[in-house]
């Protein structure tokens, strides 16, 4: 996860699921705002979903819904 995403509500929702021992191959994340760049394009939500074992995540946002195939997070280049 990136440093911006960890302070967002999406991170809290995924942390609550992890704390409760919840994992699933498919999940739905409903948000009241479209994902910011850190959570969306830069992969913050994908990374958190991958950590919970989610393979397919449906994101429902004000602009519409989309399903994403969750992929392992990209590692940083050294």
Protein backbone atom coordinates (compact mmCIF):
# COMPACT_ATOMS: atom_id res chain seq x y z
CA UNK A 1 0.00 0.00 0.00
CA UNK A 2 1.17 3.52 -0.64
CA UNK A 3 1.49 6.20 2.07
CA UNK A 4 -1.52 8.20 0.86
CA UNK A 5 -3.98 5.30 0.68
CA UNK A 6 -3.26 4.17 4.23
CA UNK A 7 -4.99 7.31 5.55
CA UNK A 8 -8.16 6.88 3.46
CA UNK A 9 -11.49 5.23 4.32
CA UNK A 10 -10.82 2.46 1.81
CA UNK A 11 -7.82 1.36 3.89
CA UNK A 12 -9.96 1.37 7.02
CA UNK A 13 -12.57 -0.84 5.36
CA UNK A 14 -9.94 -3.36 4.26
CA UNK A 15 -8.31 -3.27 7.72
CA UNK A 16 -11.65 -3.97 9.38
CA UNK A 17 -12.11 -6.98 7.09
CA UNK A 18 -8.60 -8.22 7.90
CA UNK A 19 -9.13 -7.72 11.65
CA UNK A 20 -12.35 -9.75 11.42
CA UNK A 21 -10.53 -12.54 9.60
CA UNK A 22 -12.57 -12.04 6.45
CA UNK A 23 -11.18 -13.16 3.11
CA UNK A 24 -12.93 -14.00 -0.13
CA UNK A 25 -12.19 -14.51 -3.79
CA UNK A 26 -14.80 -11.88 -4.78
CA UNK A 27 -15.80 -8.69 -2.99
CA UNK A 28 -17.61 -5.39 -3.45
CA UNK A 29 -16.31 -2.04 -2.22
CA UNK A 30 -18.91 0.72 -2.09
CA UNK A 31 -17.51 4.25 -1.83
CA UNK A 32 -19.15 7.66 -1.61
CA UNK A 33 -16.47 9.31 -3.79
CA UNK A 34 -14.58 8.15 -6.83
CA UNK A 35 -11.18 6.68 -6.01
CA UNK A 36 -8.31 9.15 -5.88
CA UNK A 37 -5.19 8.49 -7.93
CA UNK A 38 -3.36 6.91 -4.98
CA UNK A 39 -6.17 4.42 -4.34
CA UNK A 40 -7.06 3.81 -7.98
CA UNK A 41 -4.46 4.39 -10.69
CA UNK A 42 -1.50 3.93 -8.34
CA UNK A 43 -2.93 0.66 -7.05
CA UNK A 44 -3.63 1.22 -3.35
CA UNK A 45 -7.02 -0.53 -3.39
CA UNK A 46 -5.70 -3.33 -5.62
CA UNK A 47 -2.83 -3.92 -3.18
CA UNK A 48 -5.12 -4.14 -0.15
CA UNK A 49 -7.53 -6.45 -1.98
CA UNK A 50 -4.64 -8.72 -2.95
CA UNK A 51 -3.54 -8.91 0.69
CA UNK A 52 -7.00 -10.26 1.61
CA UNK A 53 -6.91 -12.89 -1.13
CA UNK A 54 -9.52 -11.15 -3.28
CA UNK A 55 -9.28 -12.09 -6.96
CA UNK A 56 -12.12 -9.94 -8.31
CA UNK A 57 -13.21 -6.65 -6.77
CA UNK A 58 -16.27 -4.67 -7.79
CA UNK A 59 -15.92 -0.98 -6.97
CA UNK A 60 -19.20 0.93 -6.76
CA UNK A 61 -18.66 4.70 -6.88
CA UNK A 62 -20.79 7.74 -7.74
CA UNK A 63 -19.57 7.67 -11.35
CA UNK A 64 -20.54 4.00 -11.76
CA UNK A 65 -19.26 0.55 -10.96
CA UNK A 66 -16.40 -1.46 -12.36
CA UNK A 67 -14.96 -4.88 -11.68
CA UNK A 68 -11.22 -5.27 -11.53
CA UNK A 69 -9.12 -8.40 -11.63
CA UNK A 70 -6.85 -8.06 -8.61
CA UNK A 71 -3.18 -8.55 -9.39
CA UNK A 72 -0.10 -8.83 -7.19
CA UNK A 73 1.19 -5.35 -6.36
CA UNK A 74 4.10 -4.05 -8.36
CA UNK A 75 7.33 -4.02 -6.40
CA UNK A 76 9.52 -0.96 -6.26
CA UNK A 77 12.59 -0.92 -8.42
CA UNK A 78 15.87 -0.72 -6.60
